[in-house]
């Protein structure tokens, strides 16, 4: 039985660096190979993170027989192409979000993974973080009762010089697919697929959304108010409100945190639920989960199921339709 999972990283940008650093914290995992668009970039990356091999070709990475799983860290407009390349060569895949440009692409990716009997998972790191696992547990235990309302926001002003991909429609630019996925994920993971969606956006000259305001409504009476922005720095917090109390996810609700706040509907005090600080950037949790899945012969995560990923992409498509936001990839 295999004891160590050998990881490859496709794309050596900013998020790949954090993931590579966190892999060192994962049991039974090894960063084995990396691939970038240039030999220099791949070689420097491999040297910094002690990878055994560096490739200037993605094809070389996916055809390396010693690589067990590949983390896709390229811009989301390229995820479809790169995931399909990996799956065609029967490589397990952990793909960054947004998983794809639209639900049609996501469906094809999922269908190929299943037909090839190969592991595929969306890298939604929030789902695996300790504080979020606790949120799910508290909700199951009816700590806040039945959820009536969710508020979640994510916003920041991109630093100068602004990366071209931020507002490039060909690269999936705009706040929704880049950061709006987090509030949408939170609402849908906790309340399910919305029965009704309202959405509006403010658009840059390129046609990409600079701000996106969304409202989900449910037949149960629950409502989610969600917001993403590249125009201003927001608190990036979230409130999950039930008929018995409220959970507050503080600054950067989507990433590692050291505490949750609970407010009872009957007692006017705040209960702090503490957590230990993450040892890395927080990517070690999803990487450990994928490693464990592969060691146990799983072809799909029990925590981030492919059907859930497809439902999320379908909801993002519905939001874009309401906003009038379309990408070139939608007609290919």
Protein backbone atom coordinates (compact mmCIF):
# COMPACT_ATOMS: atom_id res chain seq x y z
CA UNK A 1 0.00 0.00 0.00
CA UNK A 2 1.27 3.46 -0.94
CA UNK A 3 2.51 5.43 2.07
CA UNK A 4 3.34 8.82 0.53
CA UNK A 5 1.35 10.88 -1.98
CA UNK A 6 3.55 12.72 -4.45
CA UNK A 7 2.16 16.11 -5.37
CA UNK A 8 2.68 18.18 -8.49
CA UNK A 9 1.85 21.87 -8.80
CA UNK A 10 0.72 23.30 -12.14
CA UNK A 11 1.31 27.05 -12.17
CA UNK A 12 3.86 28.75 -9.92
CA UNK A 13 2.16 31.98 -8.91
CA UNK A 14 1.28 33.56 -5.57
CA UNK A 15 -1.28 31.04 -4.34
CA UNK A 16 0.93 28.14 -5.47
CA UNK A 17 3.69 29.44 -3.21
CA UNK A 18 1.41 29.37 -0.17
CA UNK A 19 0.14 25.91 -1.03
CA UNK A 20 3.68 24.59 -1.55
CA UNK A 21 4.75 25.99 1.80
CA UNK A 22 1.81 24.34 3.55
CA UNK A 23 2.44 20.94 1.92
CA UNK A 24 5.43 20.61 4.22
CA UNK A 25 2.91 20.38 7.10
CA UNK A 26 0.90 17.55 5.54
CA UNK A 27 1.44 13.98 6.71
CA UNK A 28 2.23 11.37 4.06
CA UNK A 29 2.64 14.03 1.38
CA UNK A 30 5.59 15.24 -0.66
CA UNK A 31 5.97 18.08 -3.15
CA UNK A 32 7.56 16.14 -5.99
CA UNK A 33 7.27 18.20 -9.18
CA UNK A 34 6.25 21.68 -10.36
CA UNK A 35 5.53 23.16 -13.77
CA UNK A 36 5.49 26.74 -15.00
CA UNK A 37 5.57 28.52 -18.35
CA UNK A 38 9.32 29.06 -18.14
CA UNK A 39 12.26 26.91 -17.08
CA UNK A 40 13.60 29.66 -14.82
CA UNK A 41 10.33 30.10 -12.92
CA UNK A 42 9.84 26.37 -12.45
CA UNK A 43 13.46 25.79 -11.41
CA UNK A 44 13.47 28.64 -8.88
CA UNK A 45 10.14 27.47 -7.43
CA UNK A 46 11.31 23.86 -7.14
CA UNK A 47 14.53 24.94 -5.47
CA UNK A 48 12.74 27.13 -2.94
CA UNK A 49 10.26 24.42 -1.94
CA UNK A 50 12.51 21.37 -2.33
CA UNK A 51 10.61 19.76 -5.19
CA UNK A 52 12.51 16.98 -6.97
CA UNK A 53 11.54 18.01 -10.50
CA UNK A 54 10.85 21.24 -12.38
CA UNK A 55 9.16 21.39 -15.77
CA UNK A 56 8.66 24.23 -18.25
CA UNK A 57 5.87 22.19 -19.84
CA UNK A 58 2.55 21.24 -18.28
CA UNK A 59 2.47 18.14 -20.49
CA UNK A 60 5.72 16.92 -18.95
CA UNK A 61 4.18 17.27 -15.50
CA UNK A 62 1.02 15.33 -16.29
CA UNK A 63 2.96 12.54 -18.00
CA UNK A 64 5.38 12.08 -15.07
CA UNK A 65 4.53 8.59 -13.82
CA UNK A 66 5.74 9.41 -10.31
CA UNK A 67 3.21 12.23 -9.75
CA UNK A 68 0.04 11.10 -7.94
CA UNK A 69 -1.99 14.30 -7.78
CA UNK A 70 -1.75 17.77 -9.30
CA UNK A 71 -2.78 21.06 -7.72
CA UNK A 72 -4.04 23.50 -10.36
CA UNK A 73 -2.98 27.03 -9.38
CA UNK A 74 -3.48 28.89 -12.67
CA UNK A 75 -6.10 31.65 -13.27
CA UNK A 76 -9.64 30.29 -13.34
CA UNK A 77 -10.06 30.95 -17.07
CA UNK A 78 -7.47 28.20 -17.61
CA UNK A 79 -8.84 25.66 -15.13
CA UNK A 80 -10.95 23.80 -17.68
CA UNK A 81 -8.01 23.32 -20.05
CA UNK A 82 -5.58 22.29 -17.33
CA UNK A 83 -7.94 20.00 -15.42
CA UNK A 84 -8.94 18.23 -18.61
CA UNK A 85 -5.26 17.76 -19.50
CA UNK A 86 -4.59 16.17 -16.11
CA UNK A 87 -7.66 13.94 -16.20
CA UNK A 88 -6.92 12.77 -19.75
CA UNK A 89 -3.62 11.46 -18.35
CA UNK A 90 -5.41 9.98 -15.33
CA UNK A 91 -3.86 12.30 -12.77
CA UNK A 92 -5.82 13.10 -9.62
CA UNK A 93 -6.61 16.82 -9.40
CA UNK A 94 -7.18 19.50 -6.77
CA UNK A 95 -8.35 22.58 -8.70
CA UNK A 96 -8.47 26.11 -7.33
CA UNK A 97 -11.64 28.14 -7.34
CA UNK A 98 -13.42 29.42 -9.23
CA UNK A 99 -13.52 25.79 -10.38
CA UNK A 100 -14.42 26.76 -13.95
CA UNK A 101 -15.79 29.68 -15.97
CA UNK A 102 -19.29 28.28 -16.07
CA UNK A 103 -21.37 25.23 -15.20
CA UNK A 104 -20.99 23.69 -18.66
CA UNK A 105 -17.21 23.53 -18.24
CA UNK A 106 -17.58 22.17 -14.70
CA UNK A 107 -19.96 19.47 -15.90
CA UNK A 108 -17.49 18.30 -18.55
CA UNK A 109 -14.65 18.23 -16.02
CA UNK A 110 -16.71 16.19 -13.56
CA UNK A 111 -17.96 13.79 -16.23
CA UNK A 112 -14.41 13.11 -17.43
CA UNK A 113 -13.16 12.52 -13.88
CA UNK A 114 -15.91 10.01 -13.25
CA UNK A 115 -15.48 8.25 -16.60
CA UNK A 116 -11.73 7.98 -15.98
CA UNK A 117 -12.31 6.90 -12.37
CA UNK A 118 -9.92 9.64 -11.25
CA UNK A 119 -10.09 11.82 -8.13
CA UNK A 120 -11.13 15.45 -8.67
CA UNK A 121 -11.93 18.09 -6.06
CA UNK A 122 -12.52 21.82 -5.96
CA UNK A 123 -9.95 23.53 -3.74
CA UNK A 124 -12.46 25.34 -1.55
CA UNK A 125 -10.15 25.63 1.44
CA UNK A 126 -12.81 27.21 3.66
CA UNK A 127 -14.71 23.92 3.78
CA UNK A 128 -11.79 22.24 5.59
CA UNK A 129 -10.76 24.93 8.07
CA UNK A 130 -11.28 24.14 11.78
CA UNK A 131 -13.52 27.14 12.45
CA UNK A 132 -15.81 26.29 9.55
CA UNK A 133 -16.05 22.64 10.60
CA UNK A 134 -17.11 23.99 13.99
CA UNK A 135 -19.72 26.23 12.36
CA UNK A 136 -21.20 23.20 10.63
CA UNK A 137 -21.18 21.27 13.91
CA UNK A 138 -22.89 24.05 15.86
CA UNK A 139 -25.57 24.42 13.21
CA UNK A 140 -26.23 20.66 13.25
CA UNK A 141 -26.56 20.88 17.04
CA UNK A 142 -29.11 23.71 16.67
CA UNK A 143 -26.89 26.15 18.56
CA UNK A 144 -28.49 29.04 16.71
CA UNK A 145 -31.72 27.23 15.84
CA UNK A 146 -33.10 27.43 12.31
CA UNK A 147 -31.13 29.77 10.04
CA UNK A 148 -33.18 32.80 9.04
CA UNK A 149 -30.56 35.15 7.63
CA UNK A 150 -26.97 35.16 6.35
CA UNK A 151 -24.89 38.22 5.64
CA UNK A 152 -21.47 37.82 4.04
CA UNK A 153 -19.13 40.21 2.25
CA UNK A 154 -15.69 40.17 0.68
CA UNK A 155 -14.05 43.28 -0.69
CA UNK A 156 -10.72 44.98 -1.20
CA UNK A 157 -9.10 47.51 -3.52
CA UNK A 158 -6.49 45.75 -5.71
CA UNK A 159 -3.01 47.15 -5.12
CA UNK A 160 -1.26 49.10 -7.84
CA UNK A 161 -0.14 48.06 -10.36
CA UNK A 162 -3.37 46.14 -10.81
CA UNK A 163 -2.87 42.68 -12.31
CA UNK A 164 -4.43 42.57 -15.81
CA UNK A 165 -6.44 39.45 -14.96
CA UNK A 166 -8.50 41.38 -12.39
CA UNK A 167 -10.60 43.12 -15.04
CA UNK A 168 -9.99 40.95 -18.12
CA UNK A 169 -13.17 39.15 -19.21
CA UNK A 170 -11.11 36.64 -21.18
CA UNK A 171 -9.49 35.62 -17.89
CA UNK A 172 -12.73 35.57 -15.91
CA UNK A 173 -12.03 38.99 -14.43
CA UNK A 174 -14.34 40.66 -11.94
CA UNK A 175 -15.18 40.40 -8.27
CA UNK A 176 -17.76 37.60 -8.53
CA UNK A 177 -15.59 34.71 -9.69
CA UNK A 178 -12.51 35.97 -7.86
CA UNK A 179 -13.88 36.68 -4.37
CA UNK A 180 -17.68 36.64 -4.60
CA UNK A 181 -17.51 32.85 -4.70
CA UNK A 182 -16.85 32.87 -0.95
CA UNK A 183 -20.10 34.56 0.20
CA UNK A 184 -22.03 32.50 -2.38
CA UNK A 185 -20.43 29.29 -1.11
CA UNK A 186 -21.27 30.14 2.49
CA UNK A 187 -24.94 30.80 1.80
CA UNK A 188 -25.40 27.80 -0.44
CA UNK A 189 -23.49 25.40 1.79
CA UNK A 190 -25.63 26.33 4.79
CA UNK A 191 -29.00 27.05 3.20
CA UNK A 192 -28.90 25.10 -0.05
CA UNK A 193 -29.59 26.20 -3.62
CA UNK A 194 -31.61 29.44 -3.53
CA UNK A 195 -35.17 29.38 -4.81
CA UNK A 196 -34.87 32.96 -6.04
CA UNK A 197 -31.88 35.17 -6.86
CA UNK A 198 -31.61 38.93 -7.24
CA UNK A 199 -28.30 40.43 -8.35
CA UNK A 200 -26.87 43.74 -9.53
CA UNK A 201 -23.38 44.84 -10.40
CA UNK A 202 -21.28 47.89 -11.18
CA UNK A 203 -19.05 47.28 -14.19
CA UNK A 204 -15.58 48.42 -15.20
CA UNK A 205 -14.89 49.70 -18.73
CA UNK A 206 -13.77 46.18 -19.67
CA UNK A 207 -17.19 44.75 -18.84
CA UNK A 208 -15.98 42.96 -15.69
CA UNK A 209 -17.87 43.51 -12.45
CA UNK A 210 -16.22 45.78 -9.90
CA UNK A 211 -18.99 45.25 -7.37
CA UNK A 212 -21.70 42.65 -7.06
CA UNK A 213 -24.71 42.70 -4.72
CA UNK A 214 -26.72 39.51 -4.38
CA UNK A 215 -29.79 38.38 -2.50
CA UNK A 216 -30.84 34.75 -2.15
CA UNK A 217 -34.39 33.92 -1.08
CA UNK A 218 -35.70 30.57 0.12
CA UNK A 219 -39.20 29.15 0.41
CA UNK A 220 -38.44 28.58 4.10
CA UNK A 221 -38.36 32.36 4.54
CA UNK A 222 -34.57 32.53 4.90
CA UNK A 223 -32.67 35.29 3.11
CA UNK A 224 -28.96 35.73 2.34
CA UNK A 225 -27.45 39.14 1.58
CA UNK A 226 -24.08 38.81 -0.17
CA UNK A 227 -21.60 41.31 -1.56
CA UNK A 228 -18.25 41.38 -3.34
CA UNK A 229 -16.19 44.39 -4.32
CA UNK A 230 -12.93 45.55 -5.90
CA UNK A 231 -13.83 49.15 -5.09
CA UNK A 232 -13.40 49.25 -1.33
CA UNK A 233 -11.87 47.47 1.64
CA UNK A 234 -14.63 45.65 3.51
CA UNK A 235 -14.66 43.91 6.88
CA UNK A 236 -14.98 40.58 5.01
CA UNK A 237 -17.01 39.09 7.81
CA UNK A 238 -20.12 36.97 7.96
CA UNK A 239 -23.14 36.61 10.24
CA UNK A 240 -25.23 33.45 10.38
CA UNK A 241 -28.47 34.22 12.20
CA UNK A 242 -30.99 31.72 13.53
CA UNK A 243 -34.07 31.95 15.70
CA UNK A 244 -31.99 31.07 18.79
CA UNK A 245 -28.85 33.10 18.22
CA UNK A 246 -26.14 34.34 15.88
CA UNK A 247 -22.69 33.15 14.84
CA UNK A 248 -20.24 35.84 13.82
CA UNK A 249 -17.29 34.91 11.61
CA UNK A 250 -14.87 37.78 12.06
CA UNK A 251 -12.45 39.42 9.61
CA UNK A 252 -11.61 37.18 6.62
CA UNK A 253 -14.40 34.71 7.37
CA UNK A 254 -13.24 32.50 4.51
CA UNK A 255 -9.71 31.96 5.88
CA UNK A 256 -8.10 30.68 9.08
CA UNK A 257 -9.25 32.39 12.26
CA UNK A 258 -8.63 32.01 15.97
CA UNK A 259 -12.20 32.51 17.13
CA UNK A 260 -15.92 32.45 16.46
CA UNK A 261 -18.40 34.69 18.25
CA UNK A 262 -21.77 33.39 19.45
CA UNK A 263 -24.59 35.69 20.49
CA UNK A 264 -27.62 34.08 22.12
CA UNK A 265 -31.06 35.51 21.39
CA UNK A 266 -31.86 35.31 25.12
CA UNK A 267 -28.60 36.49 26.74
CA UNK A 268 -27.00 39.83 25.88
CA UNK A 269 -23.40 38.56 25.96
CA UNK A 270 -20.82 37.31 23.48
CA UNK A 271 -19.42 33.79 23.87
CA UNK A 272 -15.97 33.42 22.31
CA UNK A 273 -15.23 30.03 20.74
CA UNK A 274 -11.42 29.88 20.36
CA UNK A 275 -9.19 27.98 17.93
CA UNK A 276 -5.48 27.41 17.66
CA UNK A 277 -3.73 29.40 14.95
CA UNK A 278 -3.07 27.55 11.71
CA UNK A 279 0.54 26.41 11.46
CA UNK A 280 0.66 27.48 7.81
CA UNK A 281 -1.45 29.68 5.57
CA UNK A 282 -4.43 27.34 5.97
CA UNK A 283 -4.06 25.29 2.80
CA UNK A 284 -2.64 22.38 4.76
CA UNK A 285 -6.14 21.27 5.79
CA UNK A 286 -7.48 20.72 2.27
CA UNK A 287 -4.15 19.20 1.19
CA UNK A 288 -4.29 16.76 4.10
CA UNK A 289 -7.86 15.84 3.20
CA UNK A 290 -6.96 15.11 -0.43
CA UNK A 291 -3.89 13.14 0.64
CA UNK A 292 -6.02 11.03 2.99
CA UNK A 293 -8.66 10.50 0.31
CA UNK A 294 -6.05 9.20 -2.13
CA UNK A 295 -4.41 6.96 0.45
CA UNK A 296 -7.84 5.45 1.10
CA UNK A 297 -8.58 4.91 -2.58
CA UNK A 298 -11.40 7.48 -2.81
CA UNK A 299 -12.30 9.05 -6.14
CA UNK A 300 -14.31 11.88 -4.64
CA UNK A 301 -14.23 13.89 -1.43
CA UNK A 302 -17.01 13.18 1.08
CA UNK A 303 -16.72 16.80 2.32
CA UNK A 304 -16.56 18.72 -0.97
CA UNK A 305 -18.56 16.60 -3.36
CA UNK A 306 -18.45 17.18 -7.09
CA UNK A 307 -22.22 17.58 -7.20
CA UNK A 308 -21.88 20.45 -4.71
CA UNK A 309 -19.23 22.07 -6.89
CA UNK A 310 -21.50 21.82 -9.94
CA UNK A 311 -24.41 23.33 -7.99
CA UNK A 312 -22.19 26.24 -6.97
CA UNK A 313 -21.18 26.87 -10.58
CA UNK A 314 -24.83 26.75 -11.64
CA UNK A 315 -25.71 29.35 -9.01
CA UNK A 316 -22.85 31.60 -10.18
CA UNK A 317 -24.24 31.30 -13.72
CA UNK A 318 -27.69 32.33 -12.45
CA UNK A 319 -26.17 35.35 -10.69
CA UNK A 320 -24.30 36.40 -13.82
CA UNK A 321 -27.46 36.07 -15.90
CA UNK A 322 -29.30 38.40 -13.50
CA UNK A 323 -26.42 40.89 -13.67
CA UNK A 324 -25.94 40.67 -17.41
CA UNK A 325 -22.36 39.49 -16.94
CA UNK A 326 -21.08 37.21 -19.70
CA UNK A 327 -17.65 35.81 -20.55
CA UNK A 328 -16.23 34.80 -23.96
CA UNK A 329 -15.95 31.27 -22.53
CA UNK A 330 -19.75 31.10 -22.32
CA UNK A 331 -20.08 30.80 -26.09
CA UNK A 332 -17.22 28.39 -26.81
